[in-house]
PDB file of N, CA and C in Angstrom:
ATOM      1  N   UNK A   1     -14.960  -7.125 -45.114  1.00  0.00           N
ATOM      2  CA  UNK A   1     -15.996  -6.913 -44.134  1.00  0.00           C
ATOM      3  C   UNK A   1     -15.425  -7.214 -42.741  1.00  0.00           C
ATOM      4  N   UNK A   2     -15.593  -6.269 -41.848  1.00  0.00           N
ATOM      5  CA  UNK A   2     -15.117  -6.444 -40.475  1.00  0.00           C
ATOM      6  C   UNK A   2     -16.217  -7.076 -39.638  1.00  0.00           C
ATOM      7  N   UNK A   3     -15.799  -7.988 -38.785  1.00  0.00           N
ATOM      8  CA  UNK A   3     -16.771  -8.578 -37.868  1.00  0.00           C
ATOM      9  C   UNK A   3     -16.480  -8.059 -36.471  1.00  0.00           C
ATOM     10  N   UNK A   4     -17.518  -7.846 -35.753  1.00  0.00           N
ATOM     11  CA  UNK A   4     -17.354  -7.384 -34.383  1.00  0.00           C
ATOM     12  C   UNK A   4     -16.959  -8.564 -33.512  1.00  0.00           C
ATOM     13  N   UNK A   5     -16.000  -8.330 -32.649  1.00  0.00           N
ATOM     14  CA  UNK A   5     -15.583  -9.344 -31.711  1.00  0.00           C
ATOM     15  C   UNK A   5     -16.598  -9.375 -30.573  1.00  0.00           C
ATOM     16  N   UNK A   6     -17.123 -10.552 -30.303  1.00  0.00           N
ATOM     17  CA  UNK A   6     -18.101 -10.659 -29.243  1.00  0.00           C
ATOM     18  C   UNK A   6     -17.401 -10.755 -27.899  1.00  0.00           C
ATOM     19  N   UNK A   7     -17.873  -9.958 -27.004  1.00  0.00           N
ATOM     20  CA  UNK A   7     -17.354  -9.993 -25.647  1.00  0.00           C
ATOM     21  C   UNK A   7     -18.381 -10.713 -24.796  1.00  0.00           C
ATOM     22  N   UNK A   8     -17.925 -11.775 -24.166  1.00  0.00           N
ATOM     23  CA  UNK A   8     -18.830 -12.534 -23.313  1.00  0.00           C
ATOM     24  C   UNK A   8     -18.526 -12.161 -21.874  1.00  0.00           C
ATOM     25  N   UNK A   9     -19.473 -11.493 -21.271  1.00  0.00           N
ATOM     26  CA  UNK A   9     -19.357 -11.140 -19.863  1.00  0.00           C
ATOM     27  C   UNK A   9     -20.162 -12.141 -19.060  1.00  0.00           C
ATOM     28  N   UNK A  10     -19.581 -12.598 -17.998  1.00  0.00           N
ATOM     29  CA  UNK A  10     -20.333 -13.474 -17.113  1.00  0.00           C
ATOM     30  C   UNK A  10     -21.275 -12.594 -16.308  1.00  0.00           C
ATOM     31  N   UNK A  11     -22.554 -12.800 -16.525  1.00  0.00           N
ATOM     32  CA  UNK A  11     -23.540 -11.991 -15.824  1.00  0.00           C
ATOM     33  C   UNK A  11     -23.756 -12.567 -14.436  1.00  0.00           C
ATOM     34  N   UNK A  12     -23.826 -11.697 -13.476  1.00  0.00           N
ATOM     35  CA  UNK A  12     -24.027 -12.112 -12.098  1.00  0.00           C
ATOM     36  C   UNK A  12     -25.432 -11.708 -11.673  1.00  0.00           C
ATOM     37  N   UNK A  13     -26.219 -12.700 -11.358  1.00  0.00           N
ATOM     38  CA  UNK A  13     -27.573 -12.463 -10.866  1.00  0.00           C
ATOM     39  C   UNK A  13     -27.512 -12.462  -9.341  1.00  0.00           C
ATOM     40  N   UNK A  14     -27.887 -11.374  -8.695  1.00  0.00           N
ATOM     41  CA  UNK A  14     -27.819 -11.315  -7.232  1.00  0.00           C
ATOM     42  C   UNK A  14     -28.598 -12.440  -6.550  1.00  0.00           C
ATOM     43  N   UNK A  15     -29.765 -12.799  -7.085  1.00  0.00           N
ATOM     44  CA  UNK A  15     -30.568 -13.856  -6.477  1.00  0.00           C
ATOM     45  C   UNK A  15     -29.843 -15.200  -6.558  1.00  0.00           C
ATOM     46  N   UNK A  16     -29.277 -15.481  -7.717  1.00  0.00           N
ATOM     47  CA  UNK A  16     -28.535 -16.735  -7.887  1.00  0.00           C
ATOM     48  C   UNK A  16     -27.319 -16.775  -6.964  1.00  0.00           C
ATOM     49  N   UNK A  17     -26.651 -15.654  -6.842  1.00  0.00           N
ATOM     50  CA  UNK A  17     -25.487 -15.546  -5.959  1.00  0.00           C
ATOM     51  C   UNK A  17     -25.905 -15.821  -4.512  1.00  0.00           C
ATOM     52  N   UNK A  18     -27.016 -15.247  -4.088  1.00  0.00           N
ATOM     53  CA  UNK A  18     -27.514 -15.433  -2.718  1.00  0.00           C
ATOM     54  C   UNK A  18     -27.911 -16.877  -2.473  1.00  0.00           C
ATOM     55  N   UNK A  19     -28.629 -17.471  -3.417  1.00  0.00           N
ATOM     56  CA  UNK A  19     -29.072 -18.853  -3.254  1.00  0.00           C
ATOM     57  C   UNK A  19     -27.865 -19.792  -3.196  1.00  0.00           C
ATOM     58  N   UNK A  20     -26.861 -19.545  -4.007  1.00  0.00           N
ATOM     59  CA  UNK A  20     -25.658 -20.374  -3.975  1.00  0.00           C
ATOM     60  C   UNK A  20     -24.951 -20.278  -2.627  1.00  0.00           C
ATOM     61  N   UNK A  21     -24.987 -19.116  -2.007  1.00  0.00           N
ATOM     62  CA  UNK A  21     -24.320 -18.929  -0.710  1.00  0.00           C
ATOM     63  C   UNK A  21     -24.970 -19.763   0.389  1.00  0.00           C
ATOM     64  N   UNK A  22     -26.273 -20.013   0.276  1.00  0.00           N
ATOM     65  CA  UNK A  22     -26.961 -20.768   1.329  1.00  0.00           C
ATOM     66  C   UNK A  22     -27.404 -22.148   0.861  1.00  0.00           C
ATOM     67  N   UNK A  23     -27.007 -22.530  -0.360  1.00  0.00           N
ATOM     68  CA  UNK A  23     -27.391 -23.859  -0.818  1.00  0.00           C
ATOM     69  C   UNK A  23     -26.563 -24.906  -0.081  1.00  0.00           C
ATOM     70  N   UNK A  24     -27.142 -25.984   0.145  1.00  0.00           N
ATOM     71  CA  UNK A  24     -26.540 -27.049   0.942  1.00  0.00           C
ATOM     72  C   UNK A  24     -27.577 -27.464   1.952  1.00  0.00           C
ATOM     73  N   UNK A  25     -27.701 -28.736   2.164  1.00  0.00           N
ATOM     74  CA  UNK A  25     -28.781 -29.269   2.978  1.00  0.00           C
ATOM     75  C   UNK A  25     -28.811 -28.713   4.391  1.00  0.00           C
ATOM     76  N   UNK A  26     -27.649 -28.368   4.956  1.00  0.00           N
ATOM     77  CA  UNK A  26     -27.598 -28.027   6.372  1.00  0.00           C
ATOM     78  C   UNK A  26     -27.312 -26.560   6.654  1.00  0.00           C
ATOM     79  N   UNK A  27     -27.076 -25.744   5.648  1.00  0.00           N
ATOM     80  CA  UNK A  27     -26.685 -24.351   5.903  1.00  0.00           C
ATOM     81  C   UNK A  27     -27.778 -23.541   6.596  1.00  0.00           C
ATOM     82  N   UNK A  28     -29.002 -23.650   6.137  1.00  0.00           N
ATOM     83  CA  UNK A  28     -30.078 -22.883   6.774  1.00  0.00           C
ATOM     84  C   UNK A  28     -30.341 -23.390   8.194  1.00  0.00           C
ATOM     85  N   UNK A  29     -30.390 -24.711   8.417  1.00  0.00           N
ATOM     86  CA  UNK A  29     -30.527 -25.153   9.819  1.00  0.00           C
ATOM     87  C   UNK A  29     -29.378 -24.694  10.710  1.00  0.00           C
ATOM     88  N   UNK A  30     -28.178 -24.622  10.171  1.00  0.00           N
ATOM     89  CA  UNK A  30     -27.035 -24.127  10.960  1.00  0.00           C
ATOM     90  C   UNK A  30     -27.255 -22.665  11.330  1.00  0.00           C
ATOM     91  N   UNK A  31     -27.681 -21.867  10.362  1.00  0.00           N
ATOM     92  CA  UNK A  31     -27.966 -20.447  10.626  1.00  0.00           C
ATOM     93  C   UNK A  31     -29.007 -20.329  11.738  1.00  0.00           C
ATOM     94  N   UNK A  32     -30.086 -21.132  11.660  1.00  0.00           N
ATOM     95  CA  UNK A  32     -31.134 -21.092  12.679  1.00  0.00           C
ATOM     96  C   UNK A  32     -30.588 -21.456  14.042  1.00  0.00           C
ATOM     97  N   UNK A  33     -29.763 -22.491  14.100  1.00  0.00           N
ATOM     98  CA  UNK A  33     -29.208 -22.934  15.376  1.00  0.00           C
ATOM     99  C   UNK A  33     -28.355 -21.838  16.010  1.00  0.00           C
ATOM    100  N   UNK A  34     -27.521 -21.201  15.203  1.00  0.00           N
ATOM    101  CA  UNK A  34     -26.671 -20.120  15.737  1.00  0.00           C
ATOM    102  C   UNK A  34     -27.534 -18.945  16.166  1.00  0.00           C
ATOM    103  N   UNK A  35     -28.552 -18.639  15.391  1.00  0.00           N
ATOM    104  CA  UNK A  35     -29.445 -17.541  15.738  1.00  0.00           C
ATOM    105  C   UNK A  35     -30.143 -17.799  17.072  1.00  0.00           C
ATOM    106  N   UNK A  36     -30.367 -19.076  17.400  1.00  0.00           N
ATOM    107  CA  UNK A  36     -30.999 -19.433  18.670  1.00  0.00           C
ATOM    108  C   UNK A  36     -30.003 -19.482  19.820  1.00  0.00           C
ATOM    109  N   UNK A  37     -28.737 -19.171  19.534  1.00  0.00           N
ATOM    110  CA  UNK A  37     -27.755 -19.086  20.607  1.00  0.00           C
ATOM    111  C   UNK A  37     -26.762 -20.233  20.678  1.00  0.00           C
ATOM    112  N   UNK A  38     -26.939 -21.234  19.857  1.00  0.00           N
ATOM    113  CA  UNK A  38     -25.996 -22.351  19.869  1.00  0.00           C
ATOM    114  C   UNK A  38     -24.762 -21.951  19.077  1.00  0.00           C
ATOM    115  N   UNK A  39     -23.590 -22.316  19.580  1.00  0.00           N
ATOM    116  CA  UNK A  39     -22.357 -21.851  18.958  1.00  0.00           C
ATOM    117  C   UNK A  39     -21.350 -22.951  18.653  1.00  0.00           C
ATOM    118  N   UNK A  40     -21.502 -24.115  19.268  1.00  0.00           N
ATOM    119  CA  UNK A  40     -20.501 -25.163  19.138  1.00  0.00           C
ATOM    120  C   UNK A  40     -20.989 -26.286  18.222  1.00  0.00           C
ATOM    121  N   UNK A  41     -20.075 -26.884  17.457  1.00  0.00           N
ATOM    122  CA  UNK A  41     -20.474 -27.964  16.543  1.00  0.00           C
ATOM    123  C   UNK A  41     -21.243 -29.091  17.230  1.00  0.00           C
ATOM    124  N   UNK A  42     -20.877 -29.447  18.450  1.00  0.00           N
ATOM    125  CA  UNK A  42     -21.600 -30.515  19.156  1.00  0.00           C
ATOM    126  C   UNK A  42     -23.059 -30.116  19.392  1.00  0.00           C
ATOM    127  N   UNK A  43     -23.317 -28.836  19.615  1.00  0.00           N
ATOM    128  CA  UNK A  43     -24.694 -28.355  19.793  1.00  0.00           C
ATOM    129  C   UNK A  43     -25.473 -28.457  18.484  1.00  0.00           C
ATOM    130  N   UNK A  44     -24.785 -28.189  17.350  1.00  0.00           N
ATOM    131  CA  UNK A  44     -25.447 -28.308  16.048  1.00  0.00           C
ATOM    132  C   UNK A  44     -25.829 -29.753  15.780  1.00  0.00           C
ATOM    133  N   UNK A  45     -24.933 -30.674  16.137  1.00  0.00           N
ATOM    134  CA  UNK A  45     -25.208 -32.097  15.920  1.00  0.00           C
ATOM    135  C   UNK A  45     -26.451 -32.534  16.683  1.00  0.00           C
ATOM    136  N   UNK A  46     -26.604 -32.043  17.910  1.00  0.00           N
ATOM    137  CA  UNK A  46     -27.776 -32.389  18.718  1.00  0.00           C
ATOM    138  C   UNK A  46     -29.029 -31.705  18.182  1.00  0.00           C
ATOM    139  N   UNK A  47     -28.897 -30.442  17.771  1.00  0.00           N
ATOM    140  CA  UNK A  47     -30.056 -29.655  17.359  1.00  0.00           C
ATOM    141  C   UNK A  47     -30.561 -29.959  15.968  1.00  0.00           C
ATOM    142  N   UNK A  48     -29.675 -30.388  15.084  1.00  0.00           N
ATOM    143  CA  UNK A  48     -30.078 -30.606  13.695  1.00  0.00           C
ATOM    144  C   UNK A  48     -30.525 -32.045  13.474  1.00  0.00           C
ATOM    145  N   UNK A  49     -29.876 -32.972  14.092  1.00  0.00           N
ATOM    146  CA  UNK A  49     -30.337 -34.351  13.975  1.00  0.00           C
ATOM    147  C   UNK A  49     -29.468 -35.227  13.110  1.00  0.00           C
ATOM    148  N   UNK A  50     -29.886 -35.462  11.896  1.00  0.00           N
ATOM    149  CA  UNK A  50     -29.272 -36.496  11.066  1.00  0.00           C
ATOM    150  C   UNK A  50     -27.997 -36.064  10.341  1.00  0.00           C
ATOM    151  N   UNK A  51     -27.462 -34.921  10.656  1.00  0.00           N
ATOM    152  CA  UNK A  51     -26.262 -34.457   9.962  1.00  0.00           C
ATOM    153  C   UNK A  51     -25.034 -35.221  10.458  1.00  0.00           C
ATOM    154  N   UNK A  52     -24.191 -35.610   9.517  1.00  0.00           N
ATOM    155  CA  UNK A  52     -22.930 -36.280   9.814  1.00  0.00           C
ATOM    156  C   UNK A  52     -21.905 -35.232  10.237  1.00  0.00           C
ATOM    157  N   UNK A  53     -21.045 -35.552  11.199  1.00  0.00           N
ATOM    158  CA  UNK A  53     -20.051 -34.592  11.695  1.00  0.00           C
ATOM    159  C   UNK A  53     -19.150 -34.079  10.573  1.00  0.00           C
ATOM    160  N   UNK A  54     -18.742 -34.969   9.674  1.00  0.00           N
ATOM    161  CA  UNK A  54     -17.872 -34.572   8.563  1.00  0.00           C
ATOM    162  C   UNK A  54     -18.581 -33.565   7.653  1.00  0.00           C
ATOM    163  N   UNK A  55     -19.820 -33.838   7.338  1.00  0.00           N
ATOM    164  CA  UNK A  55     -20.614 -32.946   6.483  1.00  0.00           C
ATOM    165  C   UNK A  55     -20.850 -31.618   7.193  1.00  0.00           C
ATOM    166  N   UNK A  56     -21.154 -31.678   8.476  1.00  0.00           N
ATOM    167  CA  UNK A  56     -21.348 -30.457   9.263  1.00  0.00           C
ATOM    168  C   UNK A  56     -20.095 -29.587   9.210  1.00  0.00           C
ATOM    169  N   UNK A  57     -18.938 -30.178   9.447  1.00  0.00           N
ATOM    170  CA  UNK A  57     -17.688 -29.416   9.422  1.00  0.00           C
ATOM    171  C   UNK A  57     -17.422 -28.821   8.042  1.00  0.00           C
ATOM    172  N   UNK A  58     -17.762 -29.562   7.009  1.00  0.00           N
ATOM    173  CA  UNK A  58     -17.597 -29.072   5.642  1.00  0.00           C
ATOM    174  C   UNK A  58     -18.498 -27.850   5.402  1.00  0.00           C
ATOM    175  N   UNK A  59     -19.757 -27.948   5.823  1.00  0.00           N
ATOM    176  CA  UNK A  59     -20.696 -26.838   5.640  1.00  0.00           C
ATOM    177  C   UNK A  59     -20.263 -25.618   6.453  1.00  0.00           C
ATOM    178  N   UNK A  60     -19.801 -25.832   7.691  1.00  0.00           N
ATOM    179  CA  UNK A  60     -19.326 -24.728   8.528  1.00  0.00           C
ATOM    180  C   UNK A  60     -18.137 -24.028   7.874  1.00  0.00           C
ATOM    181  N   UNK A  61     -17.227 -24.806   7.326  1.00  0.00           N
ATOM    182  CA  UNK A  61     -16.051 -24.236   6.665  1.00  0.00           C
ATOM    183  C   UNK A  61     -16.459 -23.407   5.445  1.00  0.00           C
ATOM    184  N   UNK A  62     -17.395 -23.937   4.646  1.00  0.00           N
ATOM    185  CA  UNK A  62     -17.880 -23.199   3.478  1.00  0.00           C
ATOM    186  C   UNK A  62     -18.541 -21.888   3.900  1.00  0.00           C
ATOM    187  N   UNK A  63     -19.343 -21.952   4.961  1.00  0.00           N
ATOM    188  CA  UNK A  63     -20.046 -20.757   5.414  1.00  0.00           C
ATOM    189  C   UNK A  63     -19.074 -19.720   5.965  1.00  0.00           C
ATOM    190  N   UNK A  64     -18.020 -20.185   6.573  1.00  0.00           N
ATOM    191  CA  UNK A  64     -16.984 -19.270   7.053  1.00  0.00           C
ATOM    192  C   UNK A  64     -16.288 -18.612   5.860  1.00  0.00           C
ATOM    193  N   UNK A  65     -15.983 -19.389   4.836  1.00  0.00           N
ATOM    194  CA  UNK A  65     -15.341 -18.856   3.634  1.00  0.00           C
ATOM    195  C   UNK A  65     -16.248 -17.879   2.890  1.00  0.00           C
ATOM    196  N   UNK A  66     -17.549 -18.108   2.954  1.00  0.00           N
ATOM    197  CA  UNK A  66     -18.521 -17.238   2.287  1.00  0.00           C
ATOM    198  C   UNK A  66     -18.814 -15.976   3.087  1.00  0.00           C
ATOM    199  N   UNK A  67     -18.250 -15.885   4.295  1.00  0.00           N
ATOM    200  CA  UNK A  67     -18.438 -14.690   5.097  1.00  0.00           C
ATOM    201  C   UNK A  67     -19.712 -14.680   5.922  1.00  0.00           C
ATOM    202  N   UNK A  68     -20.330 -15.849   6.090  1.00  0.00           N
ATOM    203  CA  UNK A  68     -21.562 -15.928   6.876  1.00  0.00           C
ATOM    204  C   UNK A  68     -21.297 -16.185   8.355  1.00  0.00           C
ATOM    205  N   UNK A  69     -20.186 -16.852   8.644  1.00  0.00           N
ATOM    206  CA  UNK A  69     -19.850 -17.207  10.019  1.00  0.00           C
ATOM    207  C   UNK A  69     -18.440 -16.764  10.366  1.00  0.00           C
ATOM    208  N   UNK A  70     -18.245 -16.490  11.643  1.00  0.00           N
ATOM    209  CA  UNK A  70     -16.892 -16.309  12.159  1.00  0.00           C
ATOM    210  C   UNK A  70     -16.635 -17.458  13.125  1.00  0.00           C
ATOM    211  N   UNK A  71     -15.397 -17.889  13.136  1.00  0.00           N
ATOM    212  CA  UNK A  71     -14.996 -19.023  13.965  1.00  0.00           C
ATOM    213  C   UNK A  71     -13.965 -18.544  14.972  1.00  0.00           C
ATOM    214  N   UNK A  72     -14.177 -18.892  16.237  1.00  0.00           N
ATOM    215  CA  UNK A  72     -13.223 -18.564  17.291  1.00  0.00           C
ATOM    216  C   UNK A  72     -12.740 -19.879  17.894  1.00  0.00           C
ATOM    217  N   UNK A  73     -11.425 -20.080  17.877  1.00  0.00           N
ATOM    218  CA  UNK A  73     -10.828 -21.277  18.478  1.00  0.00           C
ATOM    219  C   UNK A  73     -10.203 -20.890  19.806  1.00  0.00           C
ATOM    220  N   UNK A  74     -10.520 -21.642  20.841  1.00  0.00           N
ATOM    221  CA  UNK A  74      -9.978 -21.391  22.165  1.00  0.00           C
ATOM    222  C   UNK A  74      -8.853 -22.382  22.423  1.00  0.00           C
ATOM    223  N   UNK A  75      -7.744 -21.884  22.945  1.00  0.00           N
ATOM    224  CA  UNK A  75      -6.619 -22.778  23.222  1.00  0.00           C
ATOM    225  C   UNK A  75      -6.761 -23.342  24.632  1.00  0.00           C
ATOM    226  N   UNK A  76      -7.590 -24.355  24.720  1.00  0.00           N
ATOM    227  CA  UNK A  76      -7.809 -25.041  25.981  1.00  0.00           C
ATOM    228  C   UNK A  76      -7.879 -26.535  25.692  1.00  0.00           C
ATOM    229  N   UNK A  77      -7.839 -27.304  26.728  1.00  0.00           N
ATOM    230  CA  UNK A  77      -7.983 -28.745  26.590  1.00  0.00           C
ATOM    231  C   UNK A  77      -9.251 -29.187  27.292  1.00  0.00           C
ATOM    232  N   UNK A  78     -10.134 -29.884  26.656  1.00  0.00           N
ATOM    233  CA  UNK A  78     -10.112 -30.204  25.236  1.00  0.00           C
ATOM    234  C   UNK A  78     -10.354 -28.949  24.391  1.00  0.00           C
ATOM    235  N   UNK A  79      -9.927 -28.996  23.118  1.00  0.00           N
ATOM    236  CA  UNK A  79     -10.096 -27.821  22.251  1.00  0.00           C
ATOM    237  C   UNK A  79     -11.563 -27.429  22.119  1.00  0.00           C
ATOM    238  N   UNK A  80     -11.786 -26.144  22.035  1.00  0.00           N
ATOM    239  CA  UNK A  80     -13.161 -25.635  21.921  1.00  0.00           C
ATOM    240  C   UNK A  80     -13.212 -24.652  20.765  1.00  0.00           C
ATOM    241  N   UNK A  81     -14.274 -24.766  19.966  1.00  0.00           N
ATOM    242  CA  UNK A  81     -14.502 -23.887  18.816  1.00  0.00           C
ATOM    243  C   UNK A  81     -15.929 -23.359  18.921  1.00  0.00           C
ATOM    244  N   UNK A  82     -16.102 -22.082  18.656  1.00  0.00           N
ATOM    245  CA  UNK A  82     -17.440 -21.492  18.634  1.00  0.00           C
ATOM    246  C   UNK A  82     -17.625 -20.694  17.348  1.00  0.00           C
ATOM    247  N   UNK A  83     -18.841 -20.714  16.845  1.00  0.00           N
ATOM    248  CA  UNK A  83     -19.196 -19.981  15.635  1.00  0.00           C
ATOM    249  C   UNK A  83     -20.212 -18.903  15.983  1.00  0.00           C
ATOM    250  N   UNK A  84     -20.169 -17.828  15.236  1.00  0.00           N
ATOM    251  CA  UNK A  84     -21.174 -16.780  15.380  1.00  0.00           C
ATOM    252  C   UNK A  84     -21.503 -16.218  14.002  1.00  0.00           C
ATOM    253  N   UNK A  85     -22.653 -15.581  13.925  1.00  0.00           N
ATOM    254  CA  UNK A  85     -23.093 -14.985  12.666  1.00  0.00           C
ATOM    255  C   UNK A  85     -22.350 -13.685  12.413  1.00  0.00           C
ATOM    256  N   UNK A  86     -22.008 -13.455  11.161  1.00  0.00           N
ATOM    257  CA  UNK A  86     -21.448 -12.168  10.766  1.00  0.00           C
ATOM    258  C   UNK A  86     -22.615 -11.201  10.557  1.00  0.00           C
ATOM    259  N   UNK A  87     -22.343  -9.909  10.464  1.00  0.00           N
ATOM    260  CA  UNK A  87     -23.439  -8.962  10.202  1.00  0.00           C
ATOM    261  C   UNK A  87     -24.238  -9.285   8.936  1.00  0.00           C
ATOM    262  N   UNK A  88     -23.560  -9.780   7.897  1.00  0.00           N
ATOM    263  CA  UNK A  88     -24.286 -10.109   6.662  1.00  0.00           C
ATOM    264  C   UNK A  88     -25.200 -11.308   6.880  1.00  0.00           C
ATOM    265  N   UNK A  89     -24.793 -12.250   7.728  1.00  0.00           N
ATOM    266  CA  UNK A  89     -25.642 -13.400   8.042  1.00  0.00           C
ATOM    267  C   UNK A  89     -26.816 -12.981   8.915  1.00  0.00           C
ATOM    268  N   UNK A  90     -26.625 -11.980   9.756  1.00  0.00           N
ATOM    269  CA  UNK A  90     -27.741 -11.473  10.548  1.00  0.00           C
ATOM    270  C   UNK A  90     -28.805 -10.863   9.643  1.00  0.00           C
ATOM    271  N   UNK A  91     -28.381 -10.261   8.544  1.00  0.00           N
ATOM    272  CA  UNK A  91     -29.334  -9.763   7.544  1.00  0.00           C
ATOM    273  C   UNK A  91     -30.068 -10.934   6.896  1.00  0.00           C
ATOM    274  N   UNK A  92     -29.338 -12.017   6.662  1.00  0.00           N
ATOM    275  CA  UNK A  92     -29.946 -13.223   6.101  1.00  0.00           C
ATOM    276  C   UNK A  92     -31.032 -13.764   7.015  1.00  0.00           C
ATOM    277  N   UNK A  93     -30.820 -13.719   8.314  1.00  0.00           N
ATOM    278  CA  UNK A  93     -31.821 -14.208   9.271  1.00  0.00           C
ATOM    279  C   UNK A  93     -33.135 -13.447   9.088  1.00  0.00           C
ATOM    280  N   UNK A  94     -33.053 -12.152   8.860  1.00  0.00           N
ATOM    281  CA  UNK A  94     -34.272 -11.362   8.626  1.00  0.00           C
ATOM    282  C   UNK A  94     -35.023 -11.879   7.393  1.00  0.00           C
ATOM    283  N   UNK A  95     -34.264 -12.187   6.350  1.00  0.00           N
ATOM    284  CA  UNK A  95     -34.868 -12.711   5.120  1.00  0.00           C
ATOM    285  C   UNK A  95     -35.473 -14.088   5.369  1.00  0.00           C
ATOM    286  N   UNK A  96     -34.784 -14.905   6.156  1.00  0.00           N
ATOM    287  CA  UNK A  96     -35.302 -16.236   6.452  1.00  0.00           C
ATOM    288  C   UNK A  96     -36.601 -16.177   7.252  1.00  0.00           C
ATOM    289  N   UNK A  97     -36.732 -15.187   8.135  1.00  0.00           N
ATOM    290  CA  UNK A  97     -37.997 -15.022   8.859  1.00  0.00           C
ATOM    291  C   UNK A  97     -39.123 -14.703   7.873  1.00  0.00           C
ATOM    292  N   UNK A  98     -38.824 -13.865   6.881  1.00  0.00           N
ATOM    293  CA  UNK A  98     -39.834 -13.546   5.870  1.00  0.00           C
ATOM    294  C   UNK A  98     -40.180 -14.785   5.049  1.00  0.00           C
ATOM    295  N   UNK A  99     -39.162 -15.577   4.713  1.00  0.00           N
ATOM    296  CA  UNK A  99     -39.386 -16.806   3.968  1.00  0.00           C
ATOM    297  C   UNK A  99     -40.208 -17.786   4.799  1.00  0.00           C
ATOM    298  N   UNK A 100     -39.967 -17.815   6.096  1.00  0.00           N
ATOM    299  CA  UNK A 100     -40.748 -18.651   7.007  1.00  0.00           C
ATOM    300  C   UNK A 100     -42.223 -18.239   6.968  1.00  0.00           C
ATOM    301  N   UNK A 101     -42.486 -16.938   7.000  1.00  0.00           N
ATOM    302  CA  UNK A 101     -43.865 -16.449   6.922  1.00  0.00           C
ATOM    303  C   UNK A 101     -44.511 -16.841   5.598  1.00  0.00           C
ATOM    304  N   UNK A 102     -43.757 -16.769   4.515  1.00  0.00           N
ATOM    305  CA  UNK A 102     -44.254 -17.158   3.207  1.00  0.00           C
ATOM    306  C   UNK A 102     -44.556 -18.650   3.194  1.00  0.00           C
ATOM    307  N   UNK A 103     -43.720 -19.439   3.852  1.00  0.00           N
ATOM    308  CA  UNK A 103     -43.958 -20.874   3.966  1.00  0.00           C
ATOM    309  C   UNK A 103     -45.260 -21.178   4.672  1.00  0.00           C
ATOM    310  N   UNK A 104     -45.585 -20.382   5.690  1.00  0.00           N
ATOM    311  CA  UNK A 104     -46.863 -20.560   6.389  1.00  0.00           C
ATOM    312  C   UNK A 104     -48.035 -20.330   5.440  1.00  0.00           C
ATOM    313  N   UNK A 105     -47.913 -19.314   4.588  1.00  0.00           N
ATOM    314  CA  UNK A 105     -48.956 -19.034   3.601  1.00  0.00           C
ATOM    315  C   UNK A 105     -49.100 -20.223   2.655  1.00  0.00           C
ATOM    316  N   UNK A 106     -47.966 -20.775   2.214  1.00  0.00           N
ATOM    317  CA  UNK A 106     -48.025 -21.931   1.320  1.00  0.00           C
ATOM    318  C   UNK A 106     -48.694 -23.124   2.002  1.00  0.00           C
ATOM    319  N   UNK A 107     -48.364 -23.343   3.269  1.00  0.00           N
ATOM    320  CA  UNK A 107     -48.985 -24.453   4.003  1.00  0.00           C
ATOM    321  C   UNK A 107     -50.491 -24.266   4.124  1.00  0.00           C
ATOM    322  N   UNK A 108     -50.915 -23.021   4.375  1.00  0.00           N
ATOM    323  CA  UNK A 108     -52.348 -22.739   4.456  1.00  0.00           C
ATOM    324  C   UNK A 108     -53.031 -23.020   3.118  1.00  0.00           C
ATOM    325  N   UNK A 109     -52.382 -22.587   2.037  1.00  0.00           N
ATOM    326  CA  UNK A 109     -52.937 -22.820   0.703  1.00  0.00           C
ATOM    327  C   UNK A 109     -53.017 -24.312   0.411  1.00  0.00           C
ATOM    328  N   UNK A 110     -51.984 -25.038   0.797  1.00  0.00           N
ATOM    329  CA  UNK A 110     -51.973 -26.479   0.582  1.00  0.00           C
ATOM    330  C   UNK A 110     -53.095 -27.123   1.385  1.00  0.00           C
ATOM    331  N   UNK A 111     -53.285 -26.661   2.616  1.00  0.00           N
ATOM    332  CA  UNK A 111     -54.370 -27.174   3.435  1.00  0.00           C
ATOM    333  C   UNK A 111     -55.720 -26.895   2.823  1.00  0.00           C
ATOM    334  N   UNK A 112     -55.902 -25.687   2.291  1.00  0.00           N
ATOM    335  CA  UNK A 112     -57.161 -25.337   1.640  1.00  0.00           C
ATOM    336  C   UNK A 112     -57.373 -26.176   0.386  1.00  0.00           C
ATOM    337  N   UNK A 113     -56.291 -26.478  -0.303  1.00  0.00           N
ATOM    338  CA  UNK A 113     -56.379 -27.287  -1.530  1.00  0.00           C
ATOM    339  C   UNK A 113     -56.900 -28.677  -1.208  1.00  0.00           C
ATOM    340  N   UNK A 114     -56.397 -29.264  -0.103  1.00  0.00           N
ATOM    341  CA  UNK A 114     -56.814 -30.612   0.269  1.00  0.00           C
ATOM    342  C   UNK A 114     -58.204 -30.629   0.896  1.00  0.00           C
ATOM    343  N   UNK A 115     -58.653 -29.500   1.445  1.00  0.00           N
ATOM    344  CA  UNK A 115     -59.971 -29.457   2.075  1.00  0.00           C
ATOM    345  C   UNK A 115     -61.100 -29.214   1.079  1.00  0.00           C
ATOM    346  N   UNK A 116     -60.760 -28.865  -0.136  1.00  0.00           N
ATOM    347  CA  UNK A 116     -61.799 -28.557  -1.139  1.00  0.00           C
ATOM    348  C   UNK A 116     -62.402 -29.803  -1.724  1.00  0.00           C
TER     349      UNK A 116
END
């Protein structure tokens, strides 16, 4: 009796892939900050609040590797680095605006729940 060899393919779920790309406590706030025109890590530190510089740099590096950000280093003293959104991250901003609107609906529902 012949047995069929099972082929295990790693299935890729687009939603899971997308969520993994933006998972991390500071990635979405970083996207928002850049979308508002801030480009330098020092601006992110001021705008986000409680983020540690080391963690911020780690998240920025991951986002650059994931293709969400581009980094430009200027050869000046003191050194200056600026980040900008890639076209794919600009598409993400559109989705985040929709998610923001959905969050408003959830807040309204939560408010109605507590008012009943």
